[in-house]
C-alpha atoms as a PDB file:
ATOM      1  CA  MET A   1     -27.316 -17.224 -11.545  1.00  0.00           C
ATOM      2  CA  ASN A   2     -25.670 -13.850 -11.009  1.00  0.00           C
ATOM      3  CA  ILE A   3     -27.919 -10.822 -10.531  1.00  0.00           C
ATOM      4  CA  LYS A   4     -26.031  -7.617 -11.254  1.00  0.00           C
ATOM      5  CA  ARG A   5     -26.945  -4.934  -8.738  1.00  0.00           C
ATOM      6  CA  ASN A   6     -25.700  -1.676  -7.378  1.00  0.00           C
ATOM      7  CA  ILE A   7     -26.373  -0.577  -3.788  1.00  0.00           C
ATOM      8  CA  ILE A   8     -25.612   3.026  -2.926  1.00  0.00           C
ATOM      9  CA  PHE A   9     -26.301   5.357  -0.013  1.00  0.00           C
ATOM     10  CA  THR A  10     -27.033   8.973  -0.803  1.00  0.00           C
ATOM     11  CA  LEU A  11     -28.611  12.059   0.700  1.00  0.00           C
ATOM     12  CA  GLU A  12     -32.133  12.889  -0.363  1.00  0.00           C
ATOM     13  CA  SER A  13     -32.239  15.721  -2.889  1.00  0.00           C
ATOM     14  CA  ARG A  14     -35.064  18.042  -1.946  1.00  0.00           C
ATOM     15  CA  LYS A  15     -35.573  21.793  -2.310  1.00  0.00           C
ATOM     16  CA  LYS A  16     -37.444  24.322  -0.211  1.00  0.00           C
ATOM     17  CA  ASP A  17     -38.412  27.588  -1.863  1.00  0.00           C
ATOM     18  CA  GLY A  18     -36.112  26.685  -4.733  1.00  0.00           C
ATOM     19  CA  VAL A  19     -33.078  26.161  -2.455  1.00  0.00           C
ATOM     20  CA  LEU A  20     -31.516  22.733  -1.905  1.00  0.00           C
ATOM     21  CA  ILE A  21     -31.939  21.535   1.682  1.00  0.00           C
ATOM     22  CA  THR A  22     -28.541  20.817   3.276  1.00  0.00           C
ATOM     23  CA  GLU A  23     -29.378  20.440   6.988  1.00  0.00           C
ATOM     24  CA  ASN A  24     -30.774  17.321   8.645  1.00  0.00           C
ATOM     25  CA  VAL A  25     -31.142  15.572   5.280  1.00  0.00           C
ATOM     26  CA  PRO A  26     -32.535  11.987   5.131  1.00  0.00           C
ATOM     27  CA  ILE A  27     -30.052   9.261   4.159  1.00  0.00           C
ATOM     28  CA  ARG A  28     -31.533   6.937   1.550  1.00  0.00           C
ATOM     29  CA  MET A  29     -30.471   3.536   0.244  1.00  0.00           C
ATOM     30  CA  ARG A  30     -30.887   3.046  -3.501  1.00  0.00           C
ATOM     31  CA  VAL A  31     -30.819  -0.411  -5.100  1.00  0.00           C
ATOM     32  CA  ASN A  32     -30.487  -0.742  -8.875  1.00  0.00           C
ATOM     33  CA  PHE A  33     -30.866  -4.058 -10.707  1.00  0.00           C
ATOM     34  CA  ALA A  34     -32.271  -5.303 -14.038  1.00  0.00           C
ATOM     35  CA  SER A  35     -33.020  -1.692 -15.109  1.00  0.00           C
ATOM     36  CA  LYS A  36     -35.130  -1.230 -11.986  1.00  0.00           C
ATOM     37  CA  ARG A  37     -34.626   1.068  -8.998  1.00  0.00           C
ATOM     38  CA  ILE A  38     -35.811   0.728  -5.391  1.00  0.00           C
ATOM     39  CA  GLU A  39     -35.553   3.500  -2.809  1.00  0.00           C
ATOM     40  CA  PHE A  40     -35.358   2.706   0.915  1.00  0.00           C
ATOM     41  CA  THR A  41     -35.439   5.060   3.883  1.00  0.00           C
ATOM     42  CA  THR A  42     -32.703   4.311   6.421  1.00  0.00           C
ATOM     43  CA  GLY A  43     -34.283   6.201   9.316  1.00  0.00           C
ATOM     44  CA  TYR A  44     -31.195   8.403   9.687  1.00  0.00           C
ATOM     45  CA  ARG A  45     -30.544  12.067   8.866  1.00  0.00           C
ATOM     46  CA  ILE A  46     -27.330  14.085   8.642  1.00  0.00           C
ATOM     47  CA  ASP A  47     -26.160  17.527   7.526  1.00  0.00           C
ATOM     48  CA  ALA A  48     -24.746  17.560   3.994  1.00  0.00           C
ATOM     49  CA  THR A  49     -21.422  18.955   5.281  1.00  0.00           C
ATOM     50  CA  LYS A  50     -21.025  15.852   7.467  1.00  0.00           C
ATOM     51  CA  TRP A  51     -21.617  13.382   4.628  1.00  0.00           C
ATOM     52  CA  ASP A  52     -18.777  11.824   2.588  1.00  0.00           C
ATOM     53  CA  ALA A  53     -20.311  11.314  -0.863  1.00  0.00           C
ATOM     54  CA  ASP A  54     -17.346   9.271  -2.125  1.00  0.00           C
ATOM     55  CA  LYS A  55     -17.377   6.804   0.778  1.00  0.00           C
ATOM     56  CA  GLN A  56     -21.190   7.031   1.076  1.00  0.00           C
ATOM     57  CA  ARG A  57     -20.837   7.296   4.837  1.00  0.00           C
ATOM     58  CA  VAL A  58     -21.034   9.892   7.600  1.00  0.00           C
ATOM     59  CA  LYS A  59     -17.674  11.543   8.197  1.00  0.00           C
ATOM     60  CA  ASN A  60     -15.771  10.261  11.239  1.00  0.00           C
ATOM     61  CA  GLY A  61     -16.365  12.201  14.421  1.00  0.00           C
ATOM     62  CA  CYS A  62     -19.652  13.726  13.253  1.00  0.00           C
ATOM     63  CA  SER A  63     -23.145  13.273  14.663  1.00  0.00           C
ATOM     64  CA  ASN A  64     -26.650  14.384  13.748  1.00  0.00           C
ATOM     65  CA  LYS A  65     -29.232  16.480  15.592  1.00  0.00           C
ATOM     66  CA  LEU A  66     -30.357  13.409  17.578  1.00  0.00           C
ATOM     67  CA  LYS A  67     -26.748  12.927  18.775  1.00  0.00           C
ATOM     68  CA  GLN A  68     -26.468   9.681  16.763  1.00  0.00           C
ATOM     69  CA  SER A  69     -22.748   9.241  16.082  1.00  0.00           C
ATOM     70  CA  ALA A  70     -21.056   8.470  12.772  1.00  0.00           C
ATOM     71  CA  SER A  71     -20.068   5.036  14.072  1.00  0.00           C
ATOM     72  CA  GLU A  72     -23.683   4.183  14.961  1.00  0.00           C
ATOM     73  CA  ILE A  73     -25.125   5.411  11.663  1.00  0.00           C
ATOM     74  CA  ASN A  74     -22.381   3.864   9.527  1.00  0.00           C
ATOM     75  CA  ALA A  75     -22.712   0.516  11.321  1.00  0.00           C
ATOM     76  CA  SER A  76     -26.416   0.473  10.467  1.00  0.00           C
ATOM     77  CA  LEU A  77     -25.761   1.412   6.826  1.00  0.00           C
ATOM     78  CA  LEU A  78     -23.262  -1.443   6.560  1.00  0.00           C
ATOM     79  CA  GLU A  79     -25.813  -3.799   8.065  1.00  0.00           C
ATOM     80  CA  TYR A  80     -28.485  -2.699   5.572  1.00  0.00           C
ATOM     81  CA  TYR A  81     -26.019  -3.248   2.727  1.00  0.00           C
ATOM     82  CA  THR A  82     -25.237  -6.758   3.999  1.00  0.00           C
ATOM     83  CA  GLU A  83     -28.940  -7.582   4.333  1.00  0.00           C
ATOM     84  CA  ILE A  84     -29.729  -6.515   0.757  1.00  0.00           C
ATOM     85  CA  GLN A  85     -26.812  -8.573  -0.546  1.00  0.00           C
ATOM     86  CA  ALA A  86     -28.062 -11.625   1.392  1.00  0.00           C
ATOM     87  CA  ILE A  87     -31.576 -11.199  -0.054  1.00  0.00           C
ATOM     88  CA  PHE A  88     -30.238 -11.133  -3.613  1.00  0.00           C
ATOM     89  CA  LYS A  89     -28.014 -14.126  -2.847  1.00  0.00           C
ATOM     90  CA  LYS A  90     -31.081 -16.117  -1.821  1.00  0.00           C
ATOM     91  CA  PHE A  91     -32.764 -15.425  -5.166  1.00  0.00           C
ATOM     92  CA  GLU A  92     -29.544 -16.291  -7.020  1.00  0.00           C
ATOM     93  CA  VAL A  93     -29.409 -19.669  -5.297  1.00  0.00           C
ATOM     94  CA  GLU A  94     -33.042 -20.251  -6.277  1.00  0.00           C
ATOM     95  CA  GLU A  95     -32.259 -19.219  -9.885  1.00  0.00           C
ATOM     96  CA  ALA A  96     -35.054 -16.629  -9.745  1.00  0.00           C
ATOM     97  CA  MET A  97     -35.121 -12.980 -10.794  1.00  0.00           C
ATOM     98  CA  PRO A  98     -36.899 -11.041  -8.014  1.00  0.00           C
ATOM     99  CA  THR A  99     -39.308  -8.185  -8.520  1.00  0.00           C
ATOM    100  CA  PRO A 100     -38.733  -4.849  -6.753  1.00  0.00           C
ATOM    101  CA  GLU A 101     -41.726  -5.667  -4.538  1.00  0.00           C
ATOM    102  CA  GLN A 102     -40.143  -8.962  -3.438  1.00  0.00           C
ATOM    103  CA  ILE A 103     -36.880  -7.246  -2.508  1.00  0.00           C
ATOM    104  CA  LYS A 104     -38.771  -4.564  -0.597  1.00  0.00           C
ATOM    105  CA  GLU A 105     -40.927  -7.081   1.257  1.00  0.00           C
ATOM    106  CA  ALA A 106     -37.919  -9.215   2.220  1.00  0.00           C
ATOM    107  CA  PHE A 107     -36.003  -6.193   3.526  1.00  0.00           C
ATOM    108  CA  ASN A 108     -38.967  -4.691   5.393  1.00  0.00           C
ATOM    109  CA  ALA A 109     -39.680  -8.067   7.025  1.00  0.00           C
ATOM    110  CA  LEU A 110     -36.245  -7.895   8.657  1.00  0.00           C
ATOM    111  CA  HIS A 111     -37.157  -4.582  10.270  1.00  0.00           C
ATOM    112  CA  LYS A 112     -40.675  -5.406  11.354  1.00  0.00           C
ATOM    113  CA  PRO A 113     -41.269  -4.137  14.932  1.00  0.00           C
ATOM    114  CA  ALA A 114     -41.801  -6.776  17.597  1.00  0.00           C
ATOM    115  CA  SER A 115     -45.302  -5.358  18.252  1.00  0.00           C
ATOM    116  CA  GLU A 116     -46.318  -6.399  14.730  1.00  0.00           C
ATOM    117  CA  GLU A 117     -45.273 -10.010  15.198  1.00  0.00           C
ATOM    118  CA  PRO A 118     -48.099 -12.548  15.472  1.00  0.00           C
ATOM    119  CA  LYS A 119     -49.152 -13.125  19.074  1.00  0.00           C
ATOM    120  CA  THR A 120     -48.920 -16.875  18.491  1.00  0.00           C
ATOM    121  CA  LYS A 121     -45.172 -16.644  17.946  1.00  0.00           C
ATOM    122  CA  GLU A 122     -43.287 -19.358  19.796  1.00  0.00           C
ATOM    123  CA  LYS A 123     -41.717 -18.419  23.089  1.00  0.00           C
ATOM    124  CA  VAL A 124     -38.003 -17.750  22.778  1.00  0.00           C
ATOM    125  CA  LEU A 125     -35.995 -20.207  24.803  1.00  0.00           C
ATOM    126  CA  PRO A 126     -33.354 -18.974  27.263  1.00  0.00           C
ATOM    127  CA  CYS A 127     -29.890 -18.680  25.747  1.00  0.00           C
ATOM    128  CA  ASP A 128     -26.353 -17.883  26.788  1.00  0.00           C
ATOM    129  CA  PHE A 129     -25.917 -14.153  26.154  1.00  0.00           C
ATOM    130  CA  PHE A 130     -22.163 -14.316  25.595  1.00  0.00           C
ATOM    131  CA  GLN A 131     -22.325 -17.472  23.474  1.00  0.00           C
ATOM    132  CA  VAL A 132     -24.664 -15.578  21.151  1.00  0.00           C
ATOM    133  CA  PHE A 133     -22.213 -12.643  21.220  1.00  0.00           C
ATOM    134  CA  ASP A 134     -19.414 -14.974  20.106  1.00  0.00           C
ATOM    135  CA  ASP A 135     -21.645 -16.295  17.311  1.00  0.00           C
ATOM    136  CA  PHE A 136     -22.351 -12.697  16.253  1.00  0.00           C
ATOM    137  CA  VAL A 137     -18.647 -11.836  16.085  1.00  0.00           C
ATOM    138  CA  GLU A 138     -17.869 -14.996  14.106  1.00  0.00           C
ATOM    139  CA  ASP A 139     -20.769 -14.503  11.685  1.00  0.00           C
ATOM    140  CA  CYS A 140     -20.394 -10.760  11.047  1.00  0.00           C
ATOM    141  CA  GLY A 141     -16.600 -10.933  11.064  1.00  0.00           C
ATOM    142  CA  ARG A 142     -16.599 -13.539   8.308  1.00  0.00           C
ATOM    143  CA  GLN A 143     -19.416 -11.886   6.351  1.00  0.00           C
ATOM    144  CA  ASN A 144     -17.916  -8.379   6.440  1.00  0.00           C
ATOM    145  CA  ASP A 145     -14.235  -9.389   6.304  1.00  0.00           C
ATOM    146  CA  TRP A 146     -13.343  -7.656   9.570  1.00  0.00           C
ATOM    147  CA  THR A 147      -9.803  -6.515  10.200  1.00  0.00           C
ATOM    148  CA  ASP A 148      -7.866  -7.468  13.345  1.00  0.00           C
ATOM    149  CA  SER A 149      -8.588  -4.028  14.828  1.00  0.00           C
ATOM    150  CA  THR A 150     -12.352  -4.573  14.444  1.00  0.00           C
ATOM    151  CA  TYR A 151     -12.119  -7.931  16.216  1.00  0.00           C
ATOM    152  CA  GLU A 152     -10.185  -6.194  19.000  1.00  0.00           C
ATOM    153  CA  LYS A 153     -12.922  -3.543  19.324  1.00  0.00           C
ATOM    154  CA  PHE A 154     -15.591  -6.188  19.830  1.00  0.00           C
ATOM    155  CA  ALA A 155     -13.382  -8.095  22.253  1.00  0.00           C
ATOM    156  CA  ALA A 156     -13.308  -4.860  24.270  1.00  0.00           C
ATOM    157  CA  VAL A 157     -17.109  -4.602  24.010  1.00  0.00           C
ATOM    158  CA  LYS A 158     -17.463  -8.122  25.409  1.00  0.00           C
ATOM    159  CA  ASN A 159     -15.051  -7.277  28.216  1.00  0.00           C
ATOM    160  CA  HIS A 160     -17.087  -4.186  29.189  1.00  0.00           C
ATOM    161  CA  LEU A 161     -20.327  -6.180  29.182  1.00  0.00           C
ATOM    162  CA  THR A 162     -18.751  -8.968  31.261  1.00  0.00           C
ATOM    163  CA  ASN A 163     -17.536  -6.516  33.902  1.00  0.00           C
ATOM    164  CA  PHE A 164     -20.773  -4.517  33.828  1.00  0.00           C
ATOM    165  CA  ARG A 165     -23.103  -7.166  35.222  1.00  0.00           C
ATOM    166  CA  ASP A 166     -23.301 -10.886  35.969  1.00  0.00           C
ATOM    167  CA  GLY A 167     -25.958 -12.993  34.273  1.00  0.00           C
ATOM    168  CA  LEU A 168     -26.779 -10.590  31.440  1.00  0.00           C
ATOM    169  CA  THR A 169     -29.827 -11.425  29.313  1.00  0.00           C
ATOM    170  CA  PHE A 170     -31.357  -9.843  26.223  1.00  0.00           C
ATOM    171  CA  GLU A 171     -34.451  -8.947  28.229  1.00  0.00           C
ATOM    172  CA  PHE A 172     -32.296  -6.825  30.554  1.00  0.00           C
ATOM    173  CA  PHE A 173     -31.575  -4.274  27.835  1.00  0.00           C
ATOM    174  CA  ASP A 174     -34.828  -2.340  27.912  1.00  0.00           C
ATOM    175  CA  GLU A 175     -34.610   1.452  28.260  1.00  0.00           C
ATOM    176  CA  ARG A 176     -33.684   1.197  31.938  1.00  0.00           C
ATOM    177  CA  GLY A 177     -31.030  -1.449  31.312  1.00  0.00           C
ATOM    178  CA  LEU A 178     -29.505   0.557  28.480  1.00  0.00           C
ATOM    179  CA  ASN A 179     -29.455   3.628  30.735  1.00  0.00           C
ATOM    180  CA  ASP A 180     -27.653   1.590  33.410  1.00  0.00           C
ATOM    181  CA  TYR A 181     -25.036   0.481  30.881  1.00  0.00           C
ATOM    182  CA  VAL A 182     -24.456   4.048  29.654  1.00  0.00           C
ATOM    183  CA  GLY A 183     -24.105   5.124  33.286  1.00  0.00           C
ATOM    184  CA  TYR A 184     -21.561   2.354  33.885  1.00  0.00           C
ATOM    185  CA  LEU A 185     -19.450   3.411  30.907  1.00  0.00           C
ATOM    186  CA  ARG A 186     -19.572   7.052  32.020  1.00  0.00           C
ATOM    187  CA  ASP A 187     -19.187   6.748  35.799  1.00  0.00           C
ATOM    188  CA  VAL A 188     -17.171   3.545  36.262  1.00  0.00           C
ATOM    189  CA  LYS A 189     -15.130   3.327  33.068  1.00  0.00           C
ATOM    190  CA  GLU A 190     -14.925   7.151  32.894  1.00  0.00           C
ATOM    191  CA  MET A 191     -15.413   7.198  29.120  1.00  0.00           C
ATOM    192  CA  ARG A 192     -16.023  10.373  27.168  1.00  0.00           C
ATOM    193  CA  ASN A 193     -19.408  10.787  25.523  1.00  0.00           C
ATOM    194  CA  THR A 194     -18.020  10.180  22.034  1.00  0.00           C
ATOM    195  CA  THR A 195     -16.554   6.852  23.188  1.00  0.00           C
ATOM    196  CA  ILE A 196     -19.796   5.925  24.947  1.00  0.00           C
ATOM    197  CA  GLY A 197     -21.645   6.591  21.686  1.00  0.00           C
ATOM    198  CA  LYS A 198     -19.355   4.182  19.831  1.00  0.00           C
ATOM    199  CA  GLN A 199     -19.694   1.480  22.491  1.00  0.00           C
ATOM    200  CA  LEU A 200     -23.482   1.865  22.430  1.00  0.00           C
ATOM    201  CA  SER A 201     -23.573   1.557  18.633  1.00  0.00           C
ATOM    202  CA  PHE A 202     -21.586  -1.708  18.837  1.00  0.00           C
ATOM    203  CA  LEU A 203     -24.001  -3.085  21.439  1.00  0.00           C
ATOM    204  CA  LYS A 204     -26.997  -2.057  19.318  1.00  0.00           C
ATOM    205  CA  TRP A 205     -25.507  -3.816  16.300  1.00  0.00           C
ATOM    206  CA  PHE A 206     -25.239  -7.024  18.313  1.00  0.00           C
ATOM    207  CA  LEU A 207     -28.748  -6.737  19.789  1.00  0.00           C
ATOM    208  CA  ARG A 208     -30.222  -6.002  16.347  1.00  0.00           C
ATOM    209  CA  TRP A 209     -28.421  -8.987  14.810  1.00  0.00           C
ATOM    210  CA  ALA A 210     -29.686 -11.320  17.557  1.00  0.00           C
ATOM    211  CA  PHE A 211     -33.221  -9.892  17.219  1.00  0.00           C
ATOM    212  CA  LYS A 212     -33.281 -10.662  13.493  1.00  0.00           C
ATOM    213  CA  LYS A 213     -31.992 -14.165  14.176  1.00  0.00           C
ATOM    214  CA  GLY A 214     -35.017 -14.731  16.421  1.00  0.00           C
ATOM    215  CA  VAL A 215     -32.882 -15.115  19.544  1.00  0.00           C
ATOM    216  CA  HIS A 216     -34.932 -12.541  21.503  1.00  0.00           C
ATOM    217  CA  GLN A 217     -37.950 -10.270  21.118  1.00  0.00           C
ATOM    218  CA  ASN A 218     -36.753  -7.139  22.919  1.00  0.00           C
ATOM    219  CA  ASN A 219     -36.190  -4.339  20.384  1.00  0.00           C
ATOM    220  CA  ALA A 220     -35.990  -1.462  22.883  1.00  0.00           C
ATOM    221  CA  TYR A 221     -32.520  -0.702  21.463  1.00  0.00           C
ATOM    222  CA  ASP A 222     -34.148   0.470  18.220  1.00  0.00           C
ATOM    223  CA  SER A 223     -35.765   3.547  19.767  1.00  0.00           C
ATOM    224  CA  TYR A 224     -33.114   4.195  22.430  1.00  0.00           C
ATOM    225  CA  LYS A 225     -31.324   7.449  21.622  1.00  0.00           C
ATOM    226  CA  PRO A 226     -29.749   9.000  24.735  1.00  0.00           C
ATOM    227  CA  LYS A 227     -28.584  12.606  24.624  1.00  0.00           C
ATOM    228  CA  LEU A 228     -24.856  12.445  25.233  1.00  0.00           C
ATOM    229  CA  LYS A 229     -23.886  16.075  25.664  1.00  0.00           C
ATOM    230  CA  SER A 230     -20.313  17.177  25.083  1.00  0.00           C
ATOM    231  CA  THR A 231     -18.448  18.193  28.222  1.00  0.00           C
ATOM    232  CA  GLN A 232     -18.121  21.949  28.545  1.00  0.00           C
ATOM    233  CA  LYS A 233     -14.545  23.153  28.894  1.00  0.00           C
ATOM    234  CA  LYS A 234     -13.807  25.029  32.095  1.00  0.00           C
ATOM    235  CA  ILE A 235     -13.426  28.788  31.520  1.00  0.00           C
ATOM    236  CA  ILE A 236     -10.647  30.445  33.524  1.00  0.00           C
ATOM    237  CA  PHE A 237     -10.938  34.175  34.247  1.00  0.00           C
ATOM    238  CA  LEU A 238      -7.907  36.315  35.052  1.00  0.00           C
ATOM    239  CA  THR A 239      -7.947  38.733  37.964  1.00  0.00           C
ATOM    240  CA  TRP A 240      -7.482  42.490  37.299  1.00  0.00           C
ATOM    241  CA  ASP A 241      -3.956  42.279  38.674  1.00  0.00           C
ATOM    242  CA  GLU A 242      -3.110  39.360  36.357  1.00  0.00           C
ATOM    243  CA  LEU A 243      -4.505  41.263  33.369  1.00  0.00           C
ATOM    244  CA  ASN A 244      -2.332  44.291  34.154  1.00  0.00           C
ATOM    245  CA  ARG A 245       0.776  42.145  34.555  1.00  0.00           C
ATOM    246  CA  LEU A 246       0.038  40.440  31.247  1.00  0.00           C
ATOM    247  CA  ARG A 247      -0.453  43.784  29.500  1.00  0.00           C
ATOM    248  CA  GLU A 248       2.782  45.236  30.897  1.00  0.00           C
ATOM    249  CA  PHE A 249       4.849  42.111  30.322  1.00  0.00           C
ATOM    250  CA  LYS A 250       7.802  42.837  27.991  1.00  0.00           C
ATOM    251  CA  ILE A 251       8.426  40.084  25.443  1.00  0.00           C
ATOM    252  CA  PRO A 252      12.164  39.209  25.087  1.00  0.00           C
ATOM    253  CA  SER A 253      13.759  40.081  21.746  1.00  0.00           C
ATOM    254  CA  ASN A 254      14.305  36.395  20.973  1.00  0.00           C
ATOM    255  CA  LYS A 255      10.558  35.678  21.479  1.00  0.00           C
ATOM    256  CA  GLN A 256       9.036  38.281  19.127  1.00  0.00           C
ATOM    257  CA  ALA A 257       6.822  35.621  17.559  1.00  0.00           C
ATOM    258  CA  LEU A 258       4.683  35.777  20.715  1.00  0.00           C
ATOM    259  CA  GLU A 259       3.560  39.339  19.956  1.00  0.00           C
END
């Protein structure tokens, strides 16, 4: 059975006092199938000028008011797309046409906070953090048809995590652990804030994937949004003497373009 569907990401169209809102606009996921439409909130917002409507993604190098980078937001949108496709695939295998409610319930179940899980849930057994990371790379790489450059990016992520701390566990990455990792990338690896944002989004993708696989129950990554401020450029002031020399400097005839 083949269920025809269309999954698109678009900015919410809403007006205020008759004027279309273009700042901090919610990003929505729309699923169309069998003449039915389902709207999902993604939990992300972005200015309209920073949104690429053709690619249905945040423009590279942009971030929103919460300092969430394009790489972080786009990685989540890709993950949501993959999850919806997997849900439809399950119904196709079962030869069953789902209702909009069934699709919604299946998707929302994947994003259910840990606090809402039954208290009788079985205790998660200890696991090898980096073995799970390798499984994540293999699974997502095959599922999303990663390029060689994407594999190289995640190899770099693994290298940073390996050098960061011995004996890493999923439980380590609570708010304090995530802060420690950001500090390591900034102070030890001397990364710029934009690069730190990308590295953090890759780590979150991995932690979210493992959480949904039932490997761990720590979803602190979901609400962790550090403020990575851009570095202010140093302002250099000229002395009065330097200003006078600059004003009186005669530009050579062969350098008139400098005037």
